[in-house]
PDB file of N, CA and C in Angstrom:
ATOM      1  N   MET A   1     -19.146   0.171  -3.848  1.00  0.00           N
ATOM      2  CA  MET A   1     -19.905   0.345  -5.074  1.00  0.00           C
ATOM      3  C   MET A   1     -21.374   0.064  -4.817  1.00  0.00           C
ATOM      4  N   ALA A   2     -22.210   0.581  -5.646  1.00  0.00           N
ATOM      5  CA  ALA A   2     -23.649   0.494  -5.444  1.00  0.00           C
ATOM      6  C   ALA A   2     -24.183  -0.921  -5.508  1.00  0.00           C
ATOM      7  N   TYR A   3     -23.580  -1.786  -6.289  1.00  0.00           N
ATOM      8  CA  TYR A   3     -24.120  -3.121  -6.482  1.00  0.00           C
ATOM      9  C   TYR A   3     -23.197  -4.217  -5.974  1.00  0.00           C
ATOM     10  N   SER A   4     -22.269  -3.884  -5.119  1.00  0.00           N
ATOM     11  CA  SER A   4     -21.317  -4.880  -4.663  1.00  0.00           C
ATOM     12  C   SER A   4     -22.018  -5.897  -3.754  1.00  0.00           C
ATOM     13  N   PRO A   5     -21.439  -7.050  -3.521  1.00  0.00           N
ATOM     14  CA  PRO A   5     -20.092  -7.402  -3.943  1.00  0.00           C
ATOM     15  C   PRO A   5     -20.056  -8.071  -5.309  1.00  0.00           C
ATOM     16  N   PHE A   6     -19.164  -7.610  -6.141  1.00  0.00           N
ATOM     17  CA  PHE A   6     -18.856  -8.242  -7.421  1.00  0.00           C
ATOM     18  C   PHE A   6     -17.571  -9.035  -7.237  1.00  0.00           C
ATOM     19  N   PRO A   7     -17.414 -10.130  -7.969  1.00  0.00           N
ATOM     20  CA  PRO A   7     -16.088 -10.752  -7.992  1.00  0.00           C
ATOM     21  C   PRO A   7     -15.103  -9.741  -8.579  1.00  0.00           C
ATOM     22  N   SER A   8     -13.905  -9.718  -8.060  1.00  0.00           N
ATOM     23  CA  SER A   8     -12.951  -8.729  -8.563  1.00  0.00           C
ATOM     24  C   SER A   8     -11.628  -9.390  -8.916  1.00  0.00           C
ATOM     25  N   VAL A   9     -10.904  -8.695  -9.749  1.00  0.00           N
ATOM     26  CA  VAL A   9      -9.582  -9.121 -10.184  1.00  0.00           C
ATOM     27  C   VAL A   9      -8.621  -8.002  -9.809  1.00  0.00           C
ATOM     28  N   HIS A  10      -7.441  -8.372  -9.327  1.00  0.00           N
ATOM     29  CA  HIS A  10      -6.542  -7.361  -8.777  1.00  0.00           C
ATOM     30  C   HIS A  10      -5.334  -7.055  -9.655  1.00  0.00           C
ATOM     31  N   GLY A  11      -5.169  -7.795 -10.731  1.00  0.00           N
ATOM     32  CA  GLY A  11      -4.054  -7.548 -11.627  1.00  0.00           C
ATOM     33  C   GLY A  11      -4.012  -8.592 -12.722  1.00  0.00           C
ATOM     34  N   PRO A  12      -3.133  -8.406 -13.698  1.00  0.00           N
ATOM     35  CA  PRO A  12      -3.056  -9.325 -14.829  1.00  0.00           C
ATOM     36  C   PRO A  12      -2.845 -10.786 -14.434  1.00  0.00           C
ATOM     37  N   ARG A  13      -2.115 -11.037 -13.368  1.00  0.00           N
ATOM     38  CA  ARG A  13      -1.855 -12.415 -12.944  1.00  0.00           C
ATOM     39  C   ARG A  13      -3.123 -13.146 -12.503  1.00  0.00           C
ATOM     40  N   ASP A  14      -4.129 -12.407 -12.097  1.00  0.00           N
ATOM     41  CA  ASP A  14      -5.390 -13.006 -11.640  1.00  0.00           C
ATOM     42  C   ASP A  14      -6.350 -13.319 -12.781  1.00  0.00           C
ATOM     43  N   ALA A  15      -6.044 -12.868 -13.993  1.00  0.00           N
ATOM     44  CA  ALA A  15      -7.006 -12.922 -15.094  1.00  0.00           C
ATOM     45  C   ALA A  15      -7.453 -14.344 -15.443  1.00  0.00           C
ATOM     46  N   SER A  16      -6.535 -15.260 -15.596  1.00  0.00           N
ATOM     47  CA  SER A  16      -6.910 -16.627 -15.991  1.00  0.00           C
ATOM     48  C   SER A  16      -7.823 -17.275 -14.960  1.00  0.00           C
ATOM     49  N   GLY A  17      -7.476 -17.157 -13.691  1.00  0.00           N
ATOM     50  CA  GLY A  17      -8.310 -17.724 -12.638  1.00  0.00           C
ATOM     51  C   GLY A  17      -9.660 -17.054 -12.557  1.00  0.00           C
ATOM     52  N   PHE A  18      -9.669 -15.743 -12.746  1.00  0.00           N
ATOM     53  CA  PHE A  18     -10.927 -14.987 -12.715  1.00  0.00           C
ATOM     54  C   PHE A  18     -11.859 -15.466 -13.828  1.00  0.00           C
ATOM     55  N   VAL A  19     -11.324 -15.598 -15.026  1.00  0.00           N
ATOM     56  CA  VAL A  19     -12.133 -16.066 -16.161  1.00  0.00           C
ATOM     57  C   VAL A  19     -12.596 -17.503 -15.922  1.00  0.00           C
ATOM     58  N   ALA A  20     -11.728 -18.345 -15.433  1.00  0.00           N
ATOM     59  CA  ALA A  20     -12.108 -19.739 -15.141  1.00  0.00           C
ATOM     60  C   ALA A  20     -13.241 -19.790 -14.123  1.00  0.00           C
ATOM     61  N   ASP A  21     -13.175 -18.940 -13.111  1.00  0.00           N
ATOM     62  CA  ASP A  21     -14.249 -18.893 -12.112  1.00  0.00           C
ATOM     63  C   ASP A  21     -15.569 -18.439 -12.725  1.00  0.00           C
ATOM     64  N   ARG A  22     -15.520 -17.466 -13.627  1.00  0.00           N
ATOM     65  CA  ARG A  22     -16.758 -17.006 -14.271  1.00  0.00           C
ATOM     66  C   ARG A  22     -17.347 -18.116 -15.150  1.00  0.00           C
ATOM     67  N   LEU A  23     -16.479 -18.831 -15.866  1.00  0.00           N
ATOM     68  CA  LEU A  23     -16.945 -19.961 -16.675  1.00  0.00           C
ATOM     69  C   LEU A  23     -17.603 -21.015 -15.799  1.00  0.00           C
ATOM     70  N   ALA A  24     -16.995 -21.307 -14.659  1.00  0.00           N
ATOM     71  CA  ALA A  24     -17.539 -22.308 -13.738  1.00  0.00           C
ATOM     72  C   ALA A  24     -18.906 -21.888 -13.206  1.00  0.00           C
ATOM     73  N   GLU A  25     -19.136 -20.589 -13.126  1.00  0.00           N
ATOM     74  CA  GLU A  25     -20.439 -20.072 -12.678  1.00  0.00           C
ATOM     75  C   GLU A  25     -21.471 -20.070 -13.799  1.00  0.00           C
ATOM     76  N   GLY A  26     -21.030 -20.375 -15.029  1.00  0.00           N
ATOM     77  CA  GLY A  26     -21.946 -20.431 -16.159  1.00  0.00           C
ATOM     78  C   GLY A  26     -21.969 -19.202 -17.044  1.00  0.00           C
ATOM     79  N   ALA A  27     -21.038 -18.286 -16.840  1.00  0.00           N
ATOM     80  CA  ALA A  27     -20.989 -17.085 -17.686  1.00  0.00           C
ATOM     81  C   ALA A  27     -20.653 -17.481 -19.117  1.00  0.00           C
ATOM     82  N   THR A  28     -21.266 -16.791 -20.071  1.00  0.00           N
ATOM     83  CA  THR A  28     -20.911 -17.022 -21.470  1.00  0.00           C
ATOM     84  C   THR A  28     -20.135 -15.850 -22.040  1.00  0.00           C
ATOM     85  N   PRO A  29     -20.543 -14.577 -21.803  1.00  0.00           N
ATOM     86  CA  PRO A  29     -19.619 -13.485 -22.086  1.00  0.00           C
ATOM     87  C   PRO A  29     -18.985 -13.050 -20.774  1.00  0.00           C
ATOM     88  N   LEU A  30     -17.970 -12.215 -20.881  1.00  0.00           N
ATOM     89  CA  LEU A  30     -17.342 -11.608 -19.710  1.00  0.00           C
ATOM     90  C   LEU A  30     -17.564 -10.109 -19.815  1.00  0.00           C
ATOM     91  N   LYS A  31     -18.049  -9.497 -18.740  1.00  0.00           N
ATOM     92  CA  LYS A  31     -18.217  -8.046 -18.725  1.00  0.00           C
ATOM     93  C   LYS A  31     -17.226  -7.462 -17.733  1.00  0.00           C
ATOM     94  N   VAL A  32     -16.472  -6.466 -18.192  1.00  0.00           N
ATOM     95  CA  VAL A  32     -15.526  -5.775 -17.325  1.00  0.00           C
ATOM     96  C   VAL A  32     -16.002  -4.343 -17.103  1.00  0.00           C
ATOM     97  N   LEU A  33     -15.699  -3.828 -15.947  1.00  0.00           N
ATOM     98  CA  LEU A  33     -16.055  -2.457 -15.592  1.00  0.00           C
ATOM     99  C   LEU A  33     -14.789  -1.623 -15.647  1.00  0.00           C
ATOM    100  N   TYR A  34     -14.771  -0.651 -16.551  1.00  0.00           N
ATOM    101  CA  TYR A  34     -13.628   0.266 -16.663  1.00  0.00           C
ATOM    102  C   TYR A  34     -14.184   1.674 -16.568  1.00  0.00           C
ATOM    103  N   ASP A  35     -14.195   2.203 -15.366  1.00  0.00           N
ATOM    104  CA  ASP A  35     -14.842   3.488 -15.113  1.00  0.00           C
ATOM    105  C   ASP A  35     -14.134   4.164 -13.948  1.00  0.00           C
ATOM    106  N   HIS A  36     -13.458   5.264 -14.235  1.00  0.00           N
ATOM    107  CA  HIS A  36     -12.764   6.023 -13.189  1.00  0.00           C
ATOM    108  C   HIS A  36     -13.710   6.902 -12.393  1.00  0.00           C
ATOM    109  N   GLY A  37     -14.956   7.008 -12.854  1.00  0.00           N
ATOM    110  CA  GLY A  37     -15.928   7.851 -12.187  1.00  0.00           C
ATOM    111  C   GLY A  37     -15.910   9.293 -12.644  1.00  0.00           C
ATOM    112  N   SER A  38     -15.069   9.619 -13.611  1.00  0.00           N
ATOM    113  CA  SER A  38     -14.945  11.023 -14.034  1.00  0.00           C
ATOM    114  C   SER A  38     -16.223  11.556 -14.676  1.00  0.00           C
ATOM    115  N   ALA A  39     -16.979  10.721 -15.363  1.00  0.00           N
ATOM    116  CA  ALA A  39     -18.208  11.193 -16.003  1.00  0.00           C
ATOM    117  C   ALA A  39     -19.284  11.516 -14.979  1.00  0.00           C
ATOM    118  N   SER A  40     -19.261  10.839 -13.843  1.00  0.00           N
ATOM    119  CA  SER A  40     -20.269  11.088 -12.807  1.00  0.00           C
ATOM    120  C   SER A  40     -19.732  11.969 -11.685  1.00  0.00           C
ATOM    121  N   LEU A  41     -18.479  12.399 -11.823  1.00  0.00           N
ATOM    122  CA  LEU A  41     -17.803  13.246 -10.838  1.00  0.00           C
ATOM    123  C   LEU A  41     -17.645  12.552  -9.492  1.00  0.00           C
ATOM    124  N   VAL A  42     -17.667  11.217  -9.506  1.00  0.00           N
ATOM    125  CA  VAL A  42     -17.446  10.428  -8.298  1.00  0.00           C
ATOM    126  C   VAL A  42     -16.246   9.528  -8.562  1.00  0.00           C
ATOM    127  N   PRO A  43     -15.041   9.983  -8.201  1.00  0.00           N
ATOM    128  CA  PRO A  43     -13.851   9.185  -8.485  1.00  0.00           C
ATOM    129  C   PRO A  43     -13.937   7.796  -7.844  1.00  0.00           C
ATOM    130  N   MET A  44     -13.489   6.793  -8.583  1.00  0.00           N
ATOM    131  CA  MET A  44     -13.455   5.439  -8.055  1.00  0.00           C
ATOM    132  C   MET A  44     -12.267   4.696  -8.643  1.00  0.00           C
ATOM    133  N   PRO A  45     -11.790   3.690  -7.934  1.00  0.00           N
ATOM    134  CA  PRO A  45     -10.681   2.907  -8.476  1.00  0.00           C
ATOM    135  C   PRO A  45     -11.168   2.030  -9.622  1.00  0.00           C
ATOM    136  N   THR A  46     -10.291   1.712 -10.533  1.00  0.00           N
ATOM    137  CA  THR A  46     -10.640   0.816 -11.629  1.00  0.00           C
ATOM    138  C   THR A  46      -9.441  -0.068 -11.945  1.00  0.00           C
ATOM    139  N   VAL A  47      -9.664  -1.092 -12.723  1.00  0.00           N
ATOM    140  CA  VAL A  47      -8.573  -1.993 -13.088  1.00  0.00           C
ATOM    141  C   VAL A  47      -7.657  -1.316 -14.108  1.00  0.00           C
ATOM    142  N   SER A  48      -6.443  -1.821 -14.188  1.00  0.00           N
ATOM    143  CA  SER A  48      -5.490  -1.277 -15.153  1.00  0.00           C
ATOM    144  C   SER A  48      -5.799  -1.801 -16.553  1.00  0.00           C
ATOM    145  N   LEU A  49      -5.280  -1.105 -17.553  1.00  0.00           N
ATOM    146  CA  LEU A  49      -5.440  -1.579 -18.932  1.00  0.00           C
ATOM    147  C   LEU A  49      -4.710  -2.899 -19.146  1.00  0.00           C
ATOM    148  N   ALA A  50      -3.597  -3.100 -18.457  1.00  0.00           N
ATOM    149  CA  ALA A  50      -2.892  -4.377 -18.555  1.00  0.00           C
ATOM    150  C   ALA A  50      -3.770  -5.513 -18.037  1.00  0.00           C
ATOM    151  N   THR A  51      -4.537  -5.254 -17.002  1.00  0.00           N
ATOM    152  CA  THR A  51      -5.449  -6.270 -16.470  1.00  0.00           C
ATOM    153  C   THR A  51      -6.574  -6.540 -17.454  1.00  0.00           C
ATOM    154  N   ILE A  52      -7.103  -5.487 -18.053  1.00  0.00           N
ATOM    155  CA  ILE A  52      -8.153  -5.689 -19.058  1.00  0.00           C
ATOM    156  C   ILE A  52      -7.612  -6.510 -20.216  1.00  0.00           C
ATOM    157  N   ARG A  53      -6.410  -6.203 -20.667  1.00  0.00           N
ATOM    158  CA  ARG A  53      -5.813  -6.984 -21.768  1.00  0.00           C
ATOM    159  C   ARG A  53      -5.668  -8.449 -21.370  1.00  0.00           C
ATOM    160  N   ALA A  54      -5.203  -8.723 -20.164  1.00  0.00           N
ATOM    161  CA  ALA A  54      -5.053 -10.105 -19.698  1.00  0.00           C
ATOM    162  C   ALA A  54      -6.413 -10.799 -19.608  1.00  0.00           C
ATOM    163  N   LEU A  55      -7.437 -10.094 -19.173  1.00  0.00           N
ATOM    164  CA  LEU A  55      -8.788 -10.663 -19.128  1.00  0.00           C
ATOM    165  C   LEU A  55      -9.289 -10.990 -20.525  1.00  0.00           C
ATOM    166  N   VAL A  56      -9.040 -10.091 -21.468  1.00  0.00           N
ATOM    167  CA  VAL A  56      -9.445 -10.321 -22.859  1.00  0.00           C
ATOM    168  C   VAL A  56      -8.751 -11.567 -23.416  1.00  0.00           C
ATOM    169  N   VAL A  57      -7.461 -11.675 -23.198  1.00  0.00           N
ATOM    170  CA  VAL A  57      -6.710 -12.831 -23.697  1.00  0.00           C
ATOM    171  C   VAL A  57      -7.271 -14.120 -23.097  1.00  0.00           C
ATOM    172  N   ALA A  58      -7.484 -14.135 -21.790  1.00  0.00           N
ATOM    173  CA  ALA A  58      -8.000 -15.335 -21.118  1.00  0.00           C
ATOM    174  C   ALA A  58      -9.418 -15.659 -21.579  1.00  0.00           C
ATOM    175  N   ALA A  59     -10.257 -14.645 -21.695  1.00  0.00           N
ATOM    176  CA  ALA A  59     -11.641 -14.869 -22.123  1.00  0.00           C
ATOM    177  C   ALA A  59     -11.700 -15.358 -23.564  1.00  0.00           C
ATOM    178  N   HIS A  60     -10.937 -14.745 -24.434  1.00  0.00           N
ATOM    179  CA  HIS A  60     -10.923 -15.183 -25.832  1.00  0.00           C
ATOM    180  C   HIS A  60     -10.402 -16.614 -25.955  1.00  0.00           C
ATOM    181  N   ALA A  61      -9.400 -16.970 -25.155  1.00  0.00           N
ATOM    182  CA  ALA A  61      -8.884 -18.343 -25.173  1.00  0.00           C
ATOM    183  C   ALA A  61      -9.958 -19.346 -24.757  1.00  0.00           C
ATOM    184  N   ALA A  62     -10.899 -18.879 -23.933  1.00  0.00           N
ATOM    185  CA  ALA A  62     -12.000 -19.727 -23.477  1.00  0.00           C
ATOM    186  C   ALA A  62     -13.219 -19.628 -24.393  1.00  0.00           C
ATOM    187  N   GLY A  63     -13.109 -18.853 -25.473  1.00  0.00           N
ATOM    188  CA  GLY A  63     -14.220 -18.707 -26.409  1.00  0.00           C
ATOM    189  C   GLY A  63     -15.281 -17.706 -25.992  1.00  0.00           C
ATOM    190  N   MET A  64     -14.939 -16.827 -25.073  1.00  0.00           N
ATOM    191  CA  MET A  64     -15.893 -15.830 -24.576  1.00  0.00           C
ATOM    192  C   MET A  64     -15.694 -14.480 -25.266  1.00  0.00           C
ATOM    193  N   LEU A  65     -16.793 -13.787 -25.500  1.00  0.00           N
ATOM    194  CA  LEU A  65     -16.732 -12.380 -25.897  1.00  0.00           C
ATOM    195  C   LEU A  65     -16.535 -11.547 -24.638  1.00  0.00           C
ATOM    196  N   VAL A  66     -15.949 -10.357 -24.806  1.00  0.00           N
ATOM    197  CA  VAL A  66     -15.739  -9.464 -23.675  1.00  0.00           C
ATOM    198  C   VAL A  66     -16.477  -8.154 -23.928  1.00  0.00           C
ATOM    199  N   PHE A  67     -17.367  -7.823 -23.006  1.00  0.00           N
ATOM    200  CA  PHE A  67     -18.089  -6.563 -23.004  1.00  0.00           C
ATOM    201  C   PHE A  67     -17.391  -5.639 -22.014  1.00  0.00           C
ATOM    202  N   ALA A  68     -17.416  -4.336 -22.262  1.00  0.00           N
ATOM    203  CA  ALA A  68     -16.833  -3.395 -21.305  1.00  0.00           C
ATOM    204  C   ALA A  68     -17.830  -2.298 -20.980  1.00  0.00           C
ATOM    205  N   HIS A  69     -17.981  -2.037 -19.698  1.00  0.00           N
ATOM    206  CA  HIS A  69     -18.753  -0.901 -19.205  1.00  0.00           C
ATOM    207  C   HIS A  69     -17.809   0.294 -19.191  1.00  0.00           C
ATOM    208  N   VAL A  70     -18.144   1.296 -19.960  1.00  0.00           N
ATOM    209  CA  VAL A  70     -17.371   2.539 -19.987  1.00  0.00           C
ATOM    210  C   VAL A  70     -18.345   3.701 -19.993  1.00  0.00           C
ATOM    211  N   THR A  71     -17.872   4.871 -19.563  1.00  0.00           N
ATOM    212  CA  THR A  71     -18.732   6.051 -19.584  1.00  0.00           C
ATOM    213  C   THR A  71     -18.145   7.214 -20.360  1.00  0.00           C
ATOM    214  N   THR A  72     -16.871   7.124 -20.718  1.00  0.00           N
ATOM    215  CA  THR A  72     -16.240   8.217 -21.465  1.00  0.00           C
ATOM    216  C   THR A  72     -15.700   7.711 -22.798  1.00  0.00           C
ATOM    217  N   ALA A  73     -15.530   8.637 -23.720  1.00  0.00           N
ATOM    218  CA  ALA A  73     -14.970   8.289 -25.027  1.00  0.00           C
ATOM    219  C   ALA A  73     -13.544   7.771 -24.870  1.00  0.00           C
ATOM    220  N   ALA A  74     -12.763   8.398 -24.005  1.00  0.00           N
ATOM    221  CA  ALA A  74     -11.377   7.956 -23.797  1.00  0.00           C
ATOM    222  C   ALA A  74     -11.338   6.524 -23.266  1.00  0.00           C
ATOM    223  N   ALA A  75     -12.222   6.189 -22.355  1.00  0.00           N
ATOM    224  CA  ALA A  75     -12.270   4.827 -21.816  1.00  0.00           C
ATOM    225  C   ALA A  75     -12.680   3.833 -22.897  1.00  0.00           C
ATOM    226  N   ALA A  76     -13.606   4.231 -23.757  1.00  0.00           N
ATOM    227  CA  ALA A  76     -14.030   3.353 -24.853  1.00  0.00           C
ATOM    228  C   ALA A  76     -12.841   3.030 -25.759  1.00  0.00           C
ATOM    229  N   ILE A  77     -12.076   4.030 -26.103  1.00  0.00           N
ATOM    230  CA  ILE A  77     -10.903   3.825 -26.951  1.00  0.00           C
ATOM    231  C   ILE A  77      -9.879   2.953 -26.227  1.00  0.00           C
ATOM    232  N   ASP A  78      -9.682   3.216 -24.939  1.00  0.00           N
ATOM    233  CA  ASP A  78      -8.728   2.416 -24.161  1.00  0.00           C
ATOM    234  C   ASP A  78      -9.075   0.926 -24.193  1.00  0.00           C
ATOM    235  N   VAL A  79     -10.342   0.586 -23.946  1.00  0.00           N
ATOM    236  CA  VAL A  79     -10.699  -0.839 -23.867  1.00  0.00           C
ATOM    237  C   VAL A  79     -10.718  -1.496 -25.241  1.00  0.00           C
ATOM    238  N   VAL A  80     -11.125  -0.771 -26.252  1.00  0.00           N
ATOM    239  CA  VAL A  80     -11.094  -1.336 -27.608  1.00  0.00           C
ATOM    240  C   VAL A  80      -9.646  -1.641 -27.993  1.00  0.00           C
ATOM    241  N   ASN A  81      -8.732  -0.766 -27.605  1.00  0.00           N
ATOM    242  CA  ASN A  81      -7.314  -1.012 -27.886  1.00  0.00           C
ATOM    243  C   ASN A  81      -6.768  -2.226 -27.133  1.00  0.00           C
ATOM    244  N   GLN A  82      -7.454  -2.675 -26.107  1.00  0.00           N
ATOM    245  CA  GLN A  82      -7.039  -3.867 -25.365  1.00  0.00           C
ATOM    246  C   GLN A  82      -7.708  -5.137 -25.899  1.00  0.00           C
ATOM    247  N   GLY A  83      -8.580  -4.978 -26.904  1.00  0.00           N
ATOM    248  CA  GLY A  83      -9.195  -6.146 -27.540  1.00  0.00           C
ATOM    249  C   GLY A  83     -10.617  -6.439 -27.125  1.00  0.00           C
ATOM    250  N   VAL A  84     -11.230  -5.567 -26.316  1.00  0.00           N
ATOM    251  CA  VAL A  84     -12.626  -5.764 -25.917  1.00  0.00           C
ATOM    252  C   VAL A  84     -13.493  -5.825 -27.165  1.00  0.00           C
ATOM    253  N   ASP A  85     -14.467  -6.717 -27.156  1.00  0.00           N
ATOM    254  CA  ASP A  85     -15.304  -6.942 -28.334  1.00  0.00           C
ATOM    255  C   ASP A  85     -16.477  -5.976 -28.460  1.00  0.00           C
ATOM    256  N   ILE A  86     -17.096  -5.613 -27.328  1.00  0.00           N
ATOM    257  CA  ILE A  86     -18.353  -4.857 -27.361  1.00  0.00           C
ATOM    258  C   ILE A  86     -18.362  -3.839 -26.234  1.00  0.00           C
ATOM    259  N   LEU A  87     -18.837  -2.633 -26.532  1.00  0.00           N
ATOM    260  CA  LEU A  87     -19.067  -1.639 -25.481  1.00  0.00           C
ATOM    261  C   LEU A  87     -20.470  -1.875 -24.936  1.00  0.00           C
ATOM    262  N   ALA A  88     -20.566  -2.044 -23.631  1.00  0.00           N
ATOM    263  CA  ALA A  88     -21.861  -2.354 -23.016  1.00  0.00           C
ATOM    264  C   ALA A  88     -22.770  -1.131 -22.951  1.00  0.00           C
ATOM    265  N   HIS A  89     -22.201   0.038 -23.013  1.00  0.00           N
ATOM    266  CA  HIS A  89     -22.976   1.274 -22.934  1.00  0.00           C
ATOM    267  C   HIS A  89     -22.374   2.296 -23.887  1.00  0.00           C
ATOM    268  N   VAL A  90     -23.165   3.243 -24.281  1.00  0.00           N
ATOM    269  CA  VAL A  90     -22.666   4.350 -25.091  1.00  0.00           C
ATOM    270  C   VAL A  90     -22.039   5.359 -24.135  1.00  0.00           C
ATOM    271  N   PRO A  91     -20.808   5.821 -24.404  1.00  0.00           N
ATOM    272  CA  PRO A  91     -20.196   6.814 -23.529  1.00  0.00           C
ATOM    273  C   PRO A  91     -21.046   8.081 -23.442  1.00  0.00           C
ATOM    274  N   PHE A  92     -20.889   8.812 -22.349  1.00  0.00           N
ATOM    275  CA  PHE A  92     -21.643  10.038 -22.114  1.00  0.00           C
ATOM    276  C   PHE A  92     -21.223  11.168 -23.042  1.00  0.00           C
ATOM    277  N   GLU A  93     -20.077  11.037 -23.690  1.00  0.00           N
ATOM    278  CA  GLU A  93     -19.580  12.077 -24.586  1.00  0.00           C
ATOM    279  C   GLU A  93     -19.369  11.504 -25.975  1.00  0.00           C
ATOM    280  N   PRO A  94     -19.336  12.351 -26.997  1.00  0.00           N
ATOM    281  CA  PRO A  94     -19.182  11.826 -28.369  1.00  0.00           C
ATOM    282  C   PRO A  94     -17.807  11.196 -28.593  1.00  0.00           C
ATOM    283  N   LEU A  95     -17.785  10.169 -29.429  1.00  0.00           N
ATOM    284  CA  LEU A  95     -16.530   9.577 -29.859  1.00  0.00           C
ATOM    285  C   LEU A  95     -16.011  10.348 -31.056  1.00  0.00           C
ATOM    286  N   SER A  96     -14.712  10.462 -31.168  1.00  0.00           N
ATOM    287  CA  SER A  96     -14.089  11.118 -32.304  1.00  0.00           C
ATOM    288  C   SER A  96     -14.318  10.277 -33.567  1.00  0.00           C
ATOM    289  N   PRO A  97     -14.507  10.938 -34.705  1.00  0.00           N
ATOM    290  CA  PRO A  97     -14.690  10.154 -35.952  1.00  0.00           C
ATOM    291  C   PRO A  97     -13.421   9.444 -36.393  1.00  0.00           C
ATOM    292  N   THR A  98     -12.263   9.771 -35.811  1.00  0.00           N
ATOM    293  CA  THR A  98     -11.012   9.122 -36.225  1.00  0.00           C
ATOM    294  C   THR A  98     -10.549   8.079 -35.250  1.00  0.00           C
TER     295      THR A  98
END
């Protein structure tokens, strides 16, 4: 990735420890990256929705808001359905009114 190395989480089981580590570093919100690369035509791996949900649960239990980096309308809907509080960016395509 262009800005690596970022701390990473590999699955839902890692979520609590990942959030605890971010808190120990002084983070107040948690930002997750959910981007398959489809909007930029550069495919890349991303975390599963189950992992995002586990991160949201752990972060909320710690009193943290969760921001999500997304680039598509479908990704925005996916992360909101997992409990993410804020979209860090406006998707490149319009969101459906429904």
